[in-house]
């Protein structure tokens, strides 16, 4: 993870409660991750910027208590079913 993403993650982690459920949008993003879509493809699917998708991912990672895409998909799919 790049330094900017680390800093953003730390800042978001200060306001995101890991015990909180995933938001509707975070669930949608994790589902598209599971399909193997890139951040750019997810952004295009929802008419969002890639930065917004990254924010959703960082929040979802924090809530799922994971550190990468594969773990988010694995953990997210278990919680979503």
Protein backbone atom coordinates (compact mmCIF):
# COMPACT_ATOMS: atom_id res chain seq x y z
CA UNK A 1 0.00 0.00 0.00
CA UNK A 2 1.35 3.44 -0.87
CA UNK A 3 2.08 6.06 1.78
CA UNK A 4 -0.90 8.21 0.74
CA UNK A 5 -3.25 5.23 1.01
CA UNK A 6 -1.76 4.45 4.43
CA UNK A 7 -2.37 7.99 5.65
CA UNK A 8 -5.92 8.00 4.27
CA UNK A 9 -6.53 4.64 5.94
CA UNK A 10 -5.27 5.97 9.25
CA UNK A 11 -7.45 9.07 9.00
CA UNK A 12 -10.53 7.14 7.98
CA UNK A 13 -9.82 4.59 10.68
CA UNK A 14 -10.19 7.36 13.21
CA UNK A 15 -13.82 7.89 12.23
CA UNK A 16 -14.90 4.41 11.06
CA UNK A 17 -16.07 2.00 13.73
CA UNK A 18 -14.84 -1.48 12.76
CA UNK A 19 -17.86 -2.98 14.55
CA UNK A 20 -20.19 -1.16 12.16
CA UNK A 21 -21.84 -3.06 9.32
CA UNK A 22 -20.78 -2.40 5.75
CA UNK A 23 -22.79 0.32 4.03
CA UNK A 24 -24.88 -0.52 0.99
CA UNK A 25 -22.22 1.02 -1.30
CA UNK A 26 -19.38 -0.83 0.44
CA UNK A 27 -21.25 -4.10 -0.11
CA UNK A 28 -21.68 -3.25 -3.80
CA UNK A 29 -17.97 -2.45 -4.11
CA UNK A 30 -16.94 -5.71 -2.41
CA UNK A 31 -19.25 -7.64 -4.74
CA UNK A 32 -17.60 -6.07 -7.78
CA UNK A 33 -14.19 -6.84 -6.25
CA UNK A 34 -15.30 -10.46 -6.07
CA UNK A 35 -15.99 -10.33 -9.80
CA UNK A 36 -12.38 -9.27 -10.31
CA UNK A 37 -13.09 -5.70 -11.34
CA UNK A 38 -10.45 -3.00 -11.02
CA UNK A 39 -10.94 0.23 -9.08
CA UNK A 40 -11.40 2.01 -12.41
CA UNK A 41 -14.07 -0.47 -13.56
CA UNK A 42 -15.90 -0.15 -10.23
CA UNK A 43 -15.76 3.64 -10.48
CA UNK A 44 -17.20 3.53 -13.99
CA UNK A 45 -19.97 1.13 -12.93
CA UNK A 46 -21.17 3.53 -10.22
CA UNK A 47 -20.24 6.82 -11.94
CA UNK A 48 -17.76 7.61 -9.17
CA UNK A 49 -14.17 8.78 -9.12
CA UNK A 50 -11.46 6.22 -8.43
CA UNK A 51 -10.64 8.16 -5.25
CA UNK A 52 -14.18 7.60 -3.99
CA UNK A 53 -13.92 3.89 -4.74
CA UNK A 54 -10.64 3.77 -2.82
CA UNK A 55 -12.35 5.47 0.14
CA UNK A 56 -15.11 2.85 0.09
CA UNK A 57 -12.45 0.12 -0.05
CA UNK A 58 -10.46 1.52 2.85
CA UNK A 59 -13.61 1.76 4.95
CA UNK A 60 -14.67 -1.77 4.00
CA UNK A 61 -11.17 -3.12 4.77
CA UNK A 62 -11.30 -1.48 8.18
CA UNK A 63 -14.77 -2.81 8.97
CA UNK A 64 -13.88 -6.30 7.74
CA UNK A 65 -10.52 -6.10 9.55
CA UNK A 66 -8.52 -7.06 6.48
CA UNK A 67 -5.58 -5.53 4.68
CA UNK A 68 -6.01 -6.41 1.01
CA UNK A 69 -8.46 -7.11 -1.81
CA UNK A 70 -8.34 -10.90 -1.63
CA UNK A 71 -9.01 -10.95 2.10
CA UNK A 72 -11.80 -8.37 1.70
CA UNK A 73 -13.48 -10.53 -0.93
CA UNK A 74 -13.11 -13.70 1.11
CA UNK A 75 -14.31 -12.12 4.35
CA UNK A 76 -16.91 -9.91 2.68
CA UNK A 77 -18.53 -12.78 0.84
CA UNK A 78 -18.76 -14.78 4.05
CA UNK A 79 -20.49 -11.91 5.79
CA UNK A 80 -22.75 -11.08 2.85
CA UNK A 81 -24.19 -14.58 2.50
